[in-house]
Amino acid sequence: MEPFVFFGGKGGVGKTTVSCAYGVKSARAGLETLVVSTDPAHSVSDVFDRSFDDDPAPVEGVDGLEAMEIDPDTEVQRHLDGIRNDLSEQVSAAMVNEINQQLEMAHRTPGAYESALFDRFVDVMREADAYDRVVFDTAPTGGTLRLLGLPGFLEGWIERLMHKRRKSIDLFEKAAVGSNEPRRVMDGDPVLARLQGRKEFFEFAGRALREDAAFLLVLTPDRLSVNETGRAVAELRERELSVRGLVANRLTPDPDPDETGRGARYLRERVATERERLEEVRTSLDPPLVAEIESRTAEIRGDLLAEVATELALETDAEAPTVV
């Protein structure tokens, strides 16, 4: 399977548990594995019972497994600081204060979070030479789809900015007067160089997501989750992203046959409803169900996490990246 594996789905369906379980499964199959959380809830630390930050750190008790959590606020600040430094080298001192004010406003605008987070997780993909597999625990579906849609949107936007910049430079050169030769500033223009770098970054990201990444969606057997999963499958495929499978999580266990009380009747009715939803998933959604995971009474960590890992009918062999 592809070296980069993304687990997505509706909020609260257990993406983190499944992501961590697959990380354990991959590591125990002999792959150097990194689990990356891009979800602001940062439950990876809770599952592995230790605190993680932006630097990969070993997961105790599982050889070959490391984890990290990308902090969105830190990434937004780092992203804007980088823009500020780049621009401060290209404009007059009088413009620096205005730039700072605009960037502080941008810090609070819609899209700043997605842009900064996208840059960081693509950097993780580019710098993943030490790992055979990288597993991404993503934010709830809507945020993840916006994130994954950035390459297609921003490649075109940057193309338009580059066109406008070239046109502006051309007009500036044509305005040269007298006997002076037109000033050739196109080749050394720092703004064009910056835009070209961003264009190449998004081209890389788009190719890596299409060619080196697999997407799996986690769902629970209820109407809202099934419907949202269907929409997510359609949107991912519109972006030419590979949806490799679905994971049904938190299934209600059957009561013992001799149980007849109120609780047993509730459980049987609940199980019957869930089976209807699962049959709907099998018949109406193309990606196969690669796991059906029952609810546990205890929190899933430690030995229980390894137990869940065995229930994931997902291959662990990792192909070498074709783009990175």
C-alpha atoms as a PDB file:
ATOM      1  CA  MET A   1       0.000   0.000   0.000  1.00  0.00           C
ATOM      2  CA  GLU A   2       1.023   3.643  -0.367  1.00  0.00           C
ATOM      3  CA  PRO A   3       3.580   4.988   2.128  1.00  0.00           C
ATOM      4  CA  PHE A   4       1.264   7.776   3.375  1.00  0.00           C
ATOM      5  CA  VAL A   5      -2.044   6.696   4.904  1.00  0.00           C
ATOM      6  CA  PHE A   6      -4.721   9.201   5.941  1.00  0.00           C
ATOM      7  CA  PHE A   7      -7.602   8.298   8.255  1.00  0.00           C
ATOM      8  CA  GLY A   8     -10.580  10.660   8.072  1.00  0.00           C
ATOM      9  CA  GLY A   9     -14.230  10.773   9.020  1.00  0.00           C
ATOM     10  CA  LYS A  10     -16.889  12.561  10.989  1.00  0.00           C
ATOM     11  CA  GLY A  11     -15.945  13.958  14.379  1.00  0.00           C
ATOM     12  CA  GLY A  12     -16.189  11.449  17.206  1.00  0.00           C
ATOM     13  CA  VAL A  13     -16.102   8.235  15.150  1.00  0.00           C
ATOM     14  CA  GLY A  14     -12.744   7.063  16.518  1.00  0.00           C
ATOM     15  CA  LYS A  15     -10.263   8.176  13.851  1.00  0.00           C
ATOM     16  CA  THR A  16      -7.471   8.581  16.377  1.00  0.00           C
ATOM     17  CA  THR A  17      -7.935   5.103  17.818  1.00  0.00           C
ATOM     18  CA  VAL A  18      -7.932   3.515  14.360  1.00  0.00           C
ATOM     19  CA  SER A  19      -4.958   5.610  13.186  1.00  0.00           C
ATOM     20  CA  CYS A  20      -2.903   4.647  16.231  1.00  0.00           C
ATOM     21  CA  ALA A  21      -3.925   0.993  15.908  1.00  0.00           C
ATOM     22  CA  TYR A  22      -2.782   0.941  12.286  1.00  0.00           C
ATOM     23  CA  GLY A  23       0.459   2.608  13.332  1.00  0.00           C
ATOM     24  CA  VAL A  24       1.001  -0.219  15.840  1.00  0.00           C
ATOM     25  CA  LYS A  25       0.129  -2.820  13.187  1.00  0.00           C
ATOM     26  CA  SER A  26       2.608  -1.311  10.707  1.00  0.00           C
ATOM     27  CA  ALA A  27       5.406  -1.050  13.276  1.00  0.00           C
ATOM     28  CA  ARG A  28       4.918  -4.621  14.447  1.00  0.00           C
ATOM     29  CA  ALA A  29       5.133  -5.714  10.811  1.00  0.00           C
ATOM     30  CA  GLY A  30       8.662  -4.336  10.784  1.00  0.00           C
ATOM     31  CA  LEU A  31       8.035  -0.897   9.235  1.00  0.00           C
ATOM     32  CA  GLU A  32       9.558   2.256  10.649  1.00  0.00           C
ATOM     33  CA  THR A  33       6.304   4.128  11.279  1.00  0.00           C
ATOM     34  CA  LEU A  34       5.298   7.667  12.232  1.00  0.00           C
ATOM     35  CA  VAL A  35       1.800   8.621  13.434  1.00  0.00           C
ATOM     36  CA  VAL A  36       1.024  12.306  12.828  1.00  0.00           C
ATOM     37  CA  SER A  37      -1.934  14.108  14.369  1.00  0.00           C
ATOM     38  CA  THR A  38      -3.357  17.041  12.410  1.00  0.00           C
ATOM     39  CA  ASP A  39      -6.469  17.105  14.596  1.00  0.00           C
ATOM     40  CA  PRO A  40      -6.526  20.034  17.070  1.00  0.00           C
ATOM     41  CA  ALA A  41      -8.067  17.699  19.676  1.00  0.00           C
ATOM     42  CA  HIS A  42      -4.676  15.924  19.851  1.00  0.00           C
ATOM     43  CA  SER A  43      -5.931  12.615  21.229  1.00  0.00           C
ATOM     44  CA  VAL A  44      -2.834  10.725  20.072  1.00  0.00           C
ATOM     45  CA  SER A  45      -1.177  11.717  23.349  1.00  0.00           C
ATOM     46  CA  ASP A  46      -4.148  10.261  25.230  1.00  0.00           C
ATOM     47  CA  VAL A  47      -4.094   6.974  23.300  1.00  0.00           C
ATOM     48  CA  PHE A  48      -0.366   6.398  23.811  1.00  0.00           C
ATOM     49  CA  ASP A  49      -0.443   7.888  27.330  1.00  0.00           C
ATOM     50  CA  ARG A  50       2.406  10.353  26.836  1.00  0.00           C
ATOM     51  CA  SER A  51       2.710  13.917  25.605  1.00  0.00           C
ATOM     52  CA  PHE A  52       3.802  14.549  22.002  1.00  0.00           C
ATOM     53  CA  ASP A  53       4.704  17.768  20.209  1.00  0.00           C
ATOM     54  CA  ASP A  54       5.936  18.849  16.787  1.00  0.00           C
ATOM     55  CA  ASP A  55       9.062  16.685  17.000  1.00  0.00           C
ATOM     56  CA  PRO A  56       8.628  12.915  16.447  1.00  0.00           C
ATOM     57  CA  ALA A  57       9.176  10.906  19.612  1.00  0.00           C
ATOM     58  CA  PRO A  58       9.178   7.130  20.277  1.00  0.00           C
ATOM     59  CA  VAL A  59       6.029   5.380  21.460  1.00  0.00           C
ATOM     60  CA  GLU A  60       6.909   3.391  24.555  1.00  0.00           C
ATOM     61  CA  GLY A  61       6.485  -0.345  24.198  1.00  0.00           C
ATOM     62  CA  VAL A  62       6.242  -0.425  20.393  1.00  0.00           C
ATOM     63  CA  ASP A  63       9.573  -0.739  18.587  1.00  0.00           C
ATOM     64  CA  GLY A  64       9.761   1.216  15.336  1.00  0.00           C
ATOM     65  CA  LEU A  65       6.823   3.508  16.134  1.00  0.00           C
ATOM     66  CA  GLU A  66       7.033   7.268  16.681  1.00  0.00           C
ATOM     67  CA  ALA A  67       4.353   9.934  16.978  1.00  0.00           C
ATOM     68  CA  MET A  68       4.001  13.703  16.718  1.00  0.00           C
ATOM     69  CA  GLU A  69       1.228  16.282  17.058  1.00  0.00           C
ATOM     70  CA  ILE A  70       1.096  19.355  14.840  1.00  0.00           C
ATOM     71  CA  ASP A  71      -0.125  22.357  16.824  1.00  0.00           C
ATOM     72  CA  PRO A  72      -2.233  24.562  14.515  1.00  0.00           C
ATOM     73  CA  ASP A  73      -1.695  27.809  16.453  1.00  0.00           C
ATOM     74  CA  THR A  74       2.078  27.339  16.420  1.00  0.00           C
ATOM     75  CA  GLU A  75       2.006  26.550  12.706  1.00  0.00           C
ATOM     76  CA  VAL A  76      -0.096  29.636  11.866  1.00  0.00           C
ATOM     77  CA  GLN A  77       2.361  31.856  13.749  1.00  0.00           C
ATOM     78  CA  ARG A  78       5.355  30.183  12.093  1.00  0.00           C
ATOM     79  CA  HIS A  79       3.701  30.487   8.682  1.00  0.00           C
ATOM     80  CA  LEU A  80       3.015  34.206   9.111  1.00  0.00           C
ATOM     81  CA  ASP A  81       6.485  34.887  10.535  1.00  0.00           C
ATOM     82  CA  GLY A  82       7.967  33.314   7.415  1.00  0.00           C
ATOM     83  CA  ILE A  83       5.845  35.531   5.174  1.00  0.00           C
ATOM     84  CA  ARG A  84       6.805  38.598   7.235  1.00  0.00           C
ATOM     85  CA  ASN A  85      10.513  37.840   6.924  1.00  0.00           C
ATOM     86  CA  ASP A  86      10.275  37.263   3.183  1.00  0.00           C
ATOM     87  CA  LEU A  87       8.347  40.449   2.541  1.00  0.00           C
ATOM     88  CA  SER A  88      10.455  42.631   4.845  1.00  0.00           C
ATOM     89  CA  GLU A  89      13.432  41.936   2.569  1.00  0.00           C
ATOM     90  CA  GLN A  90      11.536  43.064  -0.504  1.00  0.00           C
ATOM     91  CA  VAL A  91       9.786  46.286   0.577  1.00  0.00           C
ATOM     92  CA  SER A  92      10.805  49.614   2.028  1.00  0.00           C
ATOM     93  CA  ALA A  93      11.115  50.127   5.783  1.00  0.00           C
ATOM     94  CA  ALA A  94       8.056  52.364   5.659  1.00  0.00           C
ATOM     95  CA  MET A  95       5.960  49.376   4.550  1.00  0.00           C
ATOM     96  CA  VAL A  96       7.100  47.000   7.294  1.00  0.00           C
ATOM     97  CA  ASN A  97       4.619  48.274   9.915  1.00  0.00           C
ATOM     98  CA  GLU A  98       1.758  48.075   7.432  1.00  0.00           C
ATOM     99  CA  ILE A  99       2.772  44.511   6.551  1.00  0.00           C
ATOM    100  CA  ASN A 100       2.819  43.547  10.225  1.00  0.00           C
ATOM    101  CA  GLN A 101      -0.674  44.960  10.745  1.00  0.00           C
ATOM    102  CA  GLN A 102      -2.018  43.114   7.711  1.00  0.00           C
ATOM    103  CA  LEU A 103      -0.440  39.849   8.811  1.00  0.00           C
ATOM    104  CA  GLU A 104      -1.890  40.144  12.309  1.00  0.00           C
ATOM    105  CA  MET A 105      -5.315  40.553  10.716  1.00  0.00           C
ATOM    106  CA  ALA A 106      -4.594  37.570   8.430  1.00  0.00           C
ATOM    107  CA  HIS A 107      -3.808  35.491  11.513  1.00  0.00           C
ATOM    108  CA  ARG A 108      -7.502  35.589  12.391  1.00  0.00           C
ATOM    109  CA  THR A 109      -8.968  35.116   8.926  1.00  0.00           C
ATOM    110  CA  PRO A 110     -10.608  31.939   7.606  1.00  0.00           C
ATOM    111  CA  GLY A 111      -8.073  29.848   5.743  1.00  0.00           C
ATOM    112  CA  ALA A 112      -4.987  30.827   7.769  1.00  0.00           C
ATOM    113  CA  TYR A 113      -5.272  27.646   9.836  1.00  0.00           C
ATOM    114  CA  GLU A 114      -5.737  25.399   6.781  1.00  0.00           C
ATOM    115  CA  SER A 115      -2.867  26.996   4.868  1.00  0.00           C
ATOM    116  CA  ALA A 116      -0.388  26.750   7.744  1.00  0.00           C
ATOM    117  CA  LEU A 117      -1.407  23.203   8.654  1.00  0.00           C
ATOM    118  CA  PHE A 118      -1.215  22.113   5.028  1.00  0.00           C
ATOM    119  CA  ASP A 119       2.330  23.451   4.694  1.00  0.00           C
ATOM    120  CA  ARG A 120       3.417  21.538   7.794  1.00  0.00           C
ATOM    121  CA  PHE A 121       1.973  18.166   6.897  1.00  0.00           C
ATOM    122  CA  VAL A 122       3.369  18.410   3.364  1.00  0.00           C
ATOM    123  CA  ASP A 123       6.759  19.179   4.925  1.00  0.00           C
ATOM    124  CA  VAL A 124       6.368  15.996   6.993  1.00  0.00           C
ATOM    125  CA  MET A 125       5.776  14.053   3.766  1.00  0.00           C
ATOM    126  CA  ARG A 126       8.818  15.617   2.103  1.00  0.00           C
ATOM    127  CA  GLU A 127      11.052  14.855   5.076  1.00  0.00           C
ATOM    128  CA  ALA A 128       9.826  11.298   5.715  1.00  0.00           C
ATOM    129  CA  ASP A 129      12.957   9.475   4.496  1.00  0.00           C
ATOM    130  CA  ALA A 130      13.472   7.887   7.922  1.00  0.00           C
ATOM    131  CA  TYR A 131      10.077   6.149   7.804  1.00  0.00           C
ATOM    132  CA  ASP A 132       8.542   3.390   5.718  1.00  0.00           C
ATOM    133  CA  ARG A 133       5.038   4.533   6.567  1.00  0.00           C
ATOM    134  CA  VAL A 134       3.482   7.757   7.817  1.00  0.00           C
ATOM    135  CA  VAL A 135      -0.055   7.568   9.241  1.00  0.00           C
ATOM    136  CA  PHE A 136      -2.070  10.800   9.454  1.00  0.00           C
ATOM    137  CA  ASP A 137      -4.839  11.189  12.025  1.00  0.00           C
ATOM    138  CA  THR A 138      -6.837  14.002  10.463  1.00  0.00           C
ATOM    139  CA  ALA A 139      -9.357  16.591  11.625  1.00  0.00           C
ATOM    140  CA  PRO A 140     -13.105  15.937  11.089  1.00  0.00           C
ATOM    141  CA  THR A 141     -14.207  15.504   7.486  1.00  0.00           C
ATOM    142  CA  GLY A 142     -15.042  19.095   6.497  1.00  0.00           C
ATOM    143  CA  GLY A 143     -11.705  20.535   7.609  1.00  0.00           C
ATOM    144  CA  THR A 144      -9.761  17.678   6.044  1.00  0.00           C
ATOM    145  CA  LEU A 145     -11.498  18.060   2.677  1.00  0.00           C
ATOM    146  CA  ARG A 146     -10.733  21.791   2.664  1.00  0.00           C
ATOM    147  CA  LEU A 147      -7.127  20.991   3.477  1.00  0.00           C
ATOM    148  CA  LEU A 148      -6.789  18.398   0.719  1.00  0.00           C
ATOM    149  CA  GLY A 149      -8.426  20.724  -1.784  1.00  0.00           C
ATOM    150  CA  LEU A 150      -5.760  23.402  -1.379  1.00  0.00           C
ATOM    151  CA  PRO A 151      -3.333  22.204  -4.097  1.00  0.00           C
ATOM    152  CA  GLY A 152      -5.895  22.378  -6.905  1.00  0.00           C
ATOM    153  CA  PHE A 153      -7.204  25.751  -5.757  1.00  0.00           C
ATOM    154  CA  LEU A 154      -3.897  27.457  -4.983  1.00  0.00           C
ATOM    155  CA  GLU A 155      -1.974  26.218  -8.034  1.00  0.00           C
ATOM    156  CA  GLY A 156      -4.382  28.162 -10.261  1.00  0.00           C
ATOM    157  CA  TRP A 157      -4.377  31.190  -7.979  1.00  0.00           C
ATOM    158  CA  ILE A 158      -0.568  31.368  -7.966  1.00  0.00           C
ATOM    159  CA  GLU A 159      -0.507  31.018 -11.754  1.00  0.00           C
ATOM    160  CA  ARG A 160      -2.733  34.091 -11.994  1.00  0.00           C
ATOM    161  CA  LEU A 161      -0.529  36.036  -9.553  1.00  0.00           C
ATOM    162  CA  MET A 162       2.559  35.139 -11.569  1.00  0.00           C
ATOM    163  CA  HIS A 163       0.853  36.280 -14.776  1.00  0.00           C
ATOM    164  CA  LYS A 164      -0.043  39.624 -13.198  1.00  0.00           C
ATOM    165  CA  ARG A 165       3.469  40.068 -11.823  1.00  0.00           C
ATOM    166  CA  ARG A 166       5.079  39.360 -15.209  1.00  0.00           C
ATOM    167  CA  LYS A 167       2.696  41.799 -16.867  1.00  0.00           C
ATOM    168  CA  SER A 168       3.553  44.466 -14.295  1.00  0.00           C
ATOM    169  CA  ILE A 169       7.291  43.979 -14.831  1.00  0.00           C
ATOM    170  CA  ASP A 170       6.834  44.075 -18.591  1.00  0.00           C
ATOM    171  CA  LEU A 171       4.971  47.383 -18.375  1.00  0.00           C
ATOM    172  CA  PHE A 172       7.637  48.772 -16.052  1.00  0.00           C
ATOM    173  CA  GLU A 173      10.375  47.856 -18.516  1.00  0.00           C
ATOM    174  CA  LYS A 174       8.469  49.310 -21.457  1.00  0.00           C
ATOM    175  CA  ALA A 175       8.195  52.584 -19.542  1.00  0.00           C
ATOM    176  CA  ALA A 176      11.976  53.062 -19.655  1.00  0.00           C
ATOM    177  CA  VAL A 177      12.677  56.355 -21.453  1.00  0.00           C
ATOM    178  CA  GLY A 178      15.583  58.136 -23.131  1.00  0.00           C
ATOM    179  CA  SER A 179      18.588  56.287 -24.413  1.00  0.00           C
ATOM    180  CA  ASN A 180      18.694  53.852 -21.488  1.00  0.00           C
ATOM    181  CA  GLU A 181      18.223  50.177 -22.244  1.00  0.00           C
ATOM    182  CA  PRO A 182      15.044  48.657 -20.748  1.00  0.00           C
ATOM    183  CA  ARG A 183      15.821  47.276 -17.312  1.00  0.00           C
ATOM    184  CA  ARG A 184      15.707  43.436 -17.317  1.00  0.00           C
ATOM    185  CA  VAL A 185      14.340  42.680 -13.857  1.00  0.00           C
ATOM    186  CA  MET A 186      12.138  39.718 -14.735  1.00  0.00           C
ATOM    187  CA  ASP A 187      14.751  37.011 -14.153  1.00  0.00           C
ATOM    188  CA  GLY A 188      15.893  38.297 -10.775  1.00  0.00           C
ATOM    189  CA  ASP A 189      12.534  39.397  -9.409  1.00  0.00           C
ATOM    190  CA  PRO A 190      12.208  38.123  -5.787  1.00  0.00           C
ATOM    191  CA  VAL A 191       8.401  38.143  -5.877  1.00  0.00           C
ATOM    192  CA  LEU A 192       8.340  35.936  -8.967  1.00  0.00           C
ATOM    193  CA  ALA A 193      10.917  33.653  -7.362  1.00  0.00           C
ATOM    194  CA  ARG A 194       8.743  33.332  -4.245  1.00  0.00           C
ATOM    195  CA  LEU A 195       5.628  32.609  -6.306  1.00  0.00           C
ATOM    196  CA  GLN A 196       7.492  30.030  -8.386  1.00  0.00           C
ATOM    197  CA  GLY A 197       8.617  28.296  -5.200  1.00  0.00           C
ATOM    198  CA  ARG A 198       5.038  28.140  -3.917  1.00  0.00           C
ATOM    199  CA  LYS A 199       3.822  26.862  -7.272  1.00  0.00           C
ATOM    200  CA  GLU A 200       6.335  24.017  -7.182  1.00  0.00           C
ATOM    201  CA  PHE A 201       5.389  23.269  -3.555  1.00  0.00           C
ATOM    202  CA  PHE A 202       1.705  22.850  -4.419  1.00  0.00           C
ATOM    203  CA  GLU A 203       2.486  20.846  -7.548  1.00  0.00           C
ATOM    204  CA  PHE A 204       4.520  18.468  -5.384  1.00  0.00           C
ATOM    205  CA  ALA A 205       1.731  18.262  -2.795  1.00  0.00           C
ATOM    206  CA  GLY A 206      -0.895  17.463  -5.416  1.00  0.00           C
ATOM    207  CA  ARG A 207       1.213  14.700  -6.979  1.00  0.00           C
ATOM    208  CA  ALA A 208       2.152  13.194  -3.606  1.00  0.00           C
ATOM    209  CA  LEU A 209      -1.481  13.069  -2.458  1.00  0.00           C
ATOM    210  CA  ARG A 210      -2.626  11.511  -5.735  1.00  0.00           C
ATOM    211  CA  GLU A 211       0.218   9.032  -6.210  1.00  0.00           C
ATOM    212  CA  ASP A 212       1.699   8.226  -2.796  1.00  0.00           C
ATOM    213  CA  ALA A 213      -1.247   8.524  -0.390  1.00  0.00           C
ATOM    214  CA  ALA A 214      -4.139   6.241   0.524  1.00  0.00           C
ATOM    215  CA  PHE A 215      -7.272   7.497   2.256  1.00  0.00           C
ATOM    216  CA  LEU A 216      -9.443   5.487   4.631  1.00  0.00           C
ATOM    217  CA  LEU A 217     -12.651   6.746   6.188  1.00  0.00           C
ATOM    218  CA  VAL A 218     -13.811   5.748   9.657  1.00  0.00           C
ATOM    219  CA  LEU A 219     -17.556   5.628  10.314  1.00  0.00           C
ATOM    220  CA  THR A 220     -20.023   4.532  12.937  1.00  0.00           C
ATOM    221  CA  PRO A 221     -23.157   2.561  11.959  1.00  0.00           C
ATOM    222  CA  ASP A 222     -25.645   5.433  12.094  1.00  0.00           C
ATOM    223  CA  ARG A 223     -27.402   7.469   9.423  1.00  0.00           C
ATOM    224  CA  LEU A 224     -25.455  10.734   9.891  1.00  0.00           C
ATOM    225  CA  SER A 225     -22.073   9.048   9.756  1.00  0.00           C
ATOM    226  CA  VAL A 226     -22.952   6.880   6.746  1.00  0.00           C
ATOM    227  CA  ASN A 227     -24.293   9.874   4.801  1.00  0.00           C
ATOM    228  CA  GLU A 228     -21.249  12.016   5.555  1.00  0.00           C
ATOM    229  CA  THR A 229     -18.960   9.163   4.572  1.00  0.00           C
ATOM    230  CA  GLY A 230     -20.717   8.862   1.211  1.00  0.00           C
ATOM    231  CA  ARG A 231     -20.219  12.562   0.537  1.00  0.00           C
ATOM    232  CA  ALA A 232     -16.563  12.368   1.567  1.00  0.00           C
ATOM    233  CA  VAL A 233     -15.920   9.414  -0.768  1.00  0.00           C
ATOM    234  CA  ALA A 234     -17.411  11.385  -3.672  1.00  0.00           C
ATOM    235  CA  GLU A 235     -15.375  14.528  -2.909  1.00  0.00           C
ATOM    236  CA  LEU A 236     -12.106  12.654  -2.508  1.00  0.00           C
ATOM    237  CA  ARG A 237     -12.621  10.890  -5.802  1.00  0.00           C
ATOM    238  CA  GLU A 238     -13.403  14.186  -7.525  1.00  0.00           C
ATOM    239  CA  ARG A 239      -9.927  15.246  -6.427  1.00  0.00           C
ATOM    240  CA  GLU A 240      -8.475  12.000  -7.850  1.00  0.00           C
ATOM    241  CA  LEU A 241      -7.509  10.783  -4.376  1.00  0.00           C
ATOM    242  CA  SER A 242      -7.455   7.056  -3.665  1.00  0.00           C
ATOM    243  CA  VAL A 243     -10.107   5.900  -1.156  1.00  0.00           C
ATOM    244  CA  ARG A 244      -8.820   2.465  -0.195  1.00  0.00           C
ATOM    245  CA  GLY A 245     -11.382   1.385   2.366  1.00  0.00           C
ATOM    246  CA  LEU A 246     -13.876   2.067   5.131  1.00  0.00           C
ATOM    247  CA  VAL A 247     -13.607   1.184   8.813  1.00  0.00           C
ATOM    248  CA  ALA A 248     -16.822   0.597  10.759  1.00  0.00           C
ATOM    249  CA  ASN A 249     -16.112   1.431  14.390  1.00  0.00           C
ATOM    250  CA  ARG A 250     -17.951   1.199  17.705  1.00  0.00           C
ATOM    251  CA  LEU A 251     -20.257  -1.637  16.724  1.00  0.00           C
ATOM    252  CA  THR A 252     -22.608  -2.881  19.448  1.00  0.00           C
ATOM    253  CA  PRO A 253     -21.812  -6.465  20.565  1.00  0.00           C
ATOM    254  CA  ASP A 254     -24.530  -9.111  20.514  1.00  0.00           C
ATOM    255  CA  PRO A 255     -25.884 -10.153  23.931  1.00  0.00           C
ATOM    256  CA  ASP A 256     -25.599 -13.818  24.902  1.00  0.00           C
ATOM    257  CA  PRO A 257     -28.463 -15.960  23.562  1.00  0.00           C
ATOM    258  CA  ASP A 258     -29.811 -16.702  27.053  1.00  0.00           C
ATOM    259  CA  GLU A 259     -30.094 -13.023  27.992  1.00  0.00           C
ATOM    260  CA  THR A 260     -33.717 -11.830  27.869  1.00  0.00           C
ATOM    261  CA  GLY A 261     -33.876  -8.707  30.014  1.00  0.00           C
ATOM    262  CA  ARG A 262     -34.501  -5.119  28.968  1.00  0.00           C
ATOM    263  CA  GLY A 263     -30.812  -4.487  28.319  1.00  0.00           C
ATOM    264  CA  ALA A 264     -30.561  -7.537  26.077  1.00  0.00           C
ATOM    265  CA  ARG A 265     -33.637  -6.477  24.090  1.00  0.00           C
ATOM    266  CA  TYR A 266     -32.129  -3.011  23.621  1.00  0.00           C
ATOM    267  CA  LEU A 267     -28.847  -4.477  22.446  1.00  0.00           C
ATOM    268  CA  ARG A 268     -30.536  -6.795  19.928  1.00  0.00           C
ATOM    269  CA  GLU A 269     -32.557  -3.930  18.463  1.00  0.00           C
ATOM    270  CA  ARG A 270     -29.471  -1.769  18.307  1.00  0.00           C
ATOM    271  CA  VAL A 271     -27.471  -4.524  16.616  1.00  0.00           C
ATOM    272  CA  ALA A 272     -30.248  -5.048  14.059  1.00  0.00           C
ATOM    273  CA  THR A 273     -30.252  -1.330  13.174  1.00  0.00           C
ATOM    274  CA  GLU A 274     -26.473  -1.250  12.869  1.00  0.00           C
ATOM    275  CA  ARG A 275     -26.484  -4.278  10.579  1.00  0.00           C
ATOM    276  CA  GLU A 276     -28.922  -2.488   8.289  1.00  0.00           C
ATOM    277  CA  ARG A 277     -26.550   0.475   8.110  1.00  0.00           C
ATOM    278  CA  LEU A 278     -23.563  -1.767   7.420  1.00  0.00           C
ATOM    279  CA  GLU A 279     -25.421  -3.525   4.627  1.00  0.00           C
ATOM    280  CA  GLU A 280     -26.214  -0.111   3.187  1.00  0.00           C
ATOM    281  CA  VAL A 281     -22.509   0.754   3.310  1.00  0.00           C
ATOM    282  CA  ARG A 282     -21.601  -2.486   1.519  1.00  0.00           C
ATOM    283  CA  THR A 283     -24.138  -1.994  -1.252  1.00  0.00           C
ATOM    284  CA  SER A 284     -24.125   1.776  -1.803  1.00  0.00           C
ATOM    285  CA  LEU A 285     -20.478   2.739  -1.241  1.00  0.00           C
ATOM    286  CA  ASP A 286     -17.704   1.401  -3.454  1.00  0.00           C
ATOM    287  CA  PRO A 287     -14.750   1.272  -1.054  1.00  0.00           C
ATOM    288  CA  PRO A 288     -14.708  -2.044   0.831  1.00  0.00           C
ATOM    289  CA  LEU A 289     -15.213  -2.401   4.562  1.00  0.00           C
ATOM    290  CA  VAL A 290     -11.754  -3.322   5.799  1.00  0.00           C
ATOM    291  CA  ALA A 291     -12.684  -3.606   9.480  1.00  0.00           C
ATOM    292  CA  GLU A 292     -15.709  -3.950  11.747  1.00  0.00           C
ATOM    293  CA  ILE A 293     -14.601  -3.019  15.247  1.00  0.00           C
ATOM    294  CA  GLU A 294     -16.797  -3.661  18.265  1.00  0.00           C
ATOM    295  CA  SER A 295     -17.099  -1.202  21.130  1.00  0.00           C
ATOM    296  CA  ARG A 296     -15.025  -1.949  24.195  1.00  0.00           C
ATOM    297  CA  THR A 297     -16.034  -1.193  27.753  1.00  0.00           C
ATOM    298  CA  ALA A 298     -12.515   0.030  28.598  1.00  0.00           C
ATOM    299  CA  GLU A 299     -10.581   2.853  26.974  1.00  0.00           C
ATOM    300  CA  ILE A 300      -8.627   1.601  23.963  1.00  0.00           C
ATOM    301  CA  ARG A 301      -4.936   1.841  24.733  1.00  0.00           C
ATOM    302  CA  GLY A 302      -2.084  -0.561  25.445  1.00  0.00           C
ATOM    303  CA  ASP A 303      -3.074  -4.198  24.878  1.00  0.00           C
ATOM    304  CA  LEU A 304      -6.540  -3.201  23.662  1.00  0.00           C
ATOM    305  CA  LEU A 305      -4.952  -1.017  20.969  1.00  0.00           C
ATOM    306  CA  ALA A 306      -2.934  -4.011  19.766  1.00  0.00           C
ATOM    307  CA  GLU A 307      -6.147  -6.044  19.762  1.00  0.00           C
ATOM    308  CA  VAL A 308      -7.873  -3.463  17.559  1.00  0.00           C
ATOM    309  CA  ALA A 309      -4.833  -3.480  15.278  1.00  0.00           C
ATOM    310  CA  THR A 310      -5.381  -7.171  14.535  1.00  0.00           C
ATOM    311  CA  GLU A 311      -8.972  -6.413  13.439  1.00  0.00           C
ATOM    312  CA  LEU A 312      -7.834  -4.034  10.691  1.00  0.00           C
ATOM    313  CA  ALA A 313      -7.782  -6.065   7.467  1.00  0.00           C
ATOM    314  CA  LEU A 314      -5.279  -3.673   5.933  1.00  0.00           C
ATOM    315  CA  GLU A 315      -2.010  -4.665   4.311  1.00  0.00           C
ATOM    316  CA  THR A 316       1.081  -3.245   5.939  1.00  0.00           C
ATOM    317  CA  ASP A 317       3.585  -3.562   3.082  1.00  0.00           C
ATOM    318  CA  ALA A 318       4.669  -0.069   2.110  1.00  0.00           C
ATOM    319  CA  GLU A 319       5.579   0.959  -1.408  1.00  0.00           C
ATOM    320  CA  ALA A 320       8.445   3.391  -1.898  1.00  0.00           C
ATOM    321  CA  PRO A 321       7.287   6.968  -2.590  1.00  0.00           C
ATOM    322  CA  THR A 322       7.196   7.872  -6.260  1.00  0.00           C
ATOM    323  CA  VAL A 323       7.117  11.648  -5.774  1.00  0.00           C
ATOM    324  CA  VAL A 324       8.913  12.429  -2.530  1.00  0.00           C
END
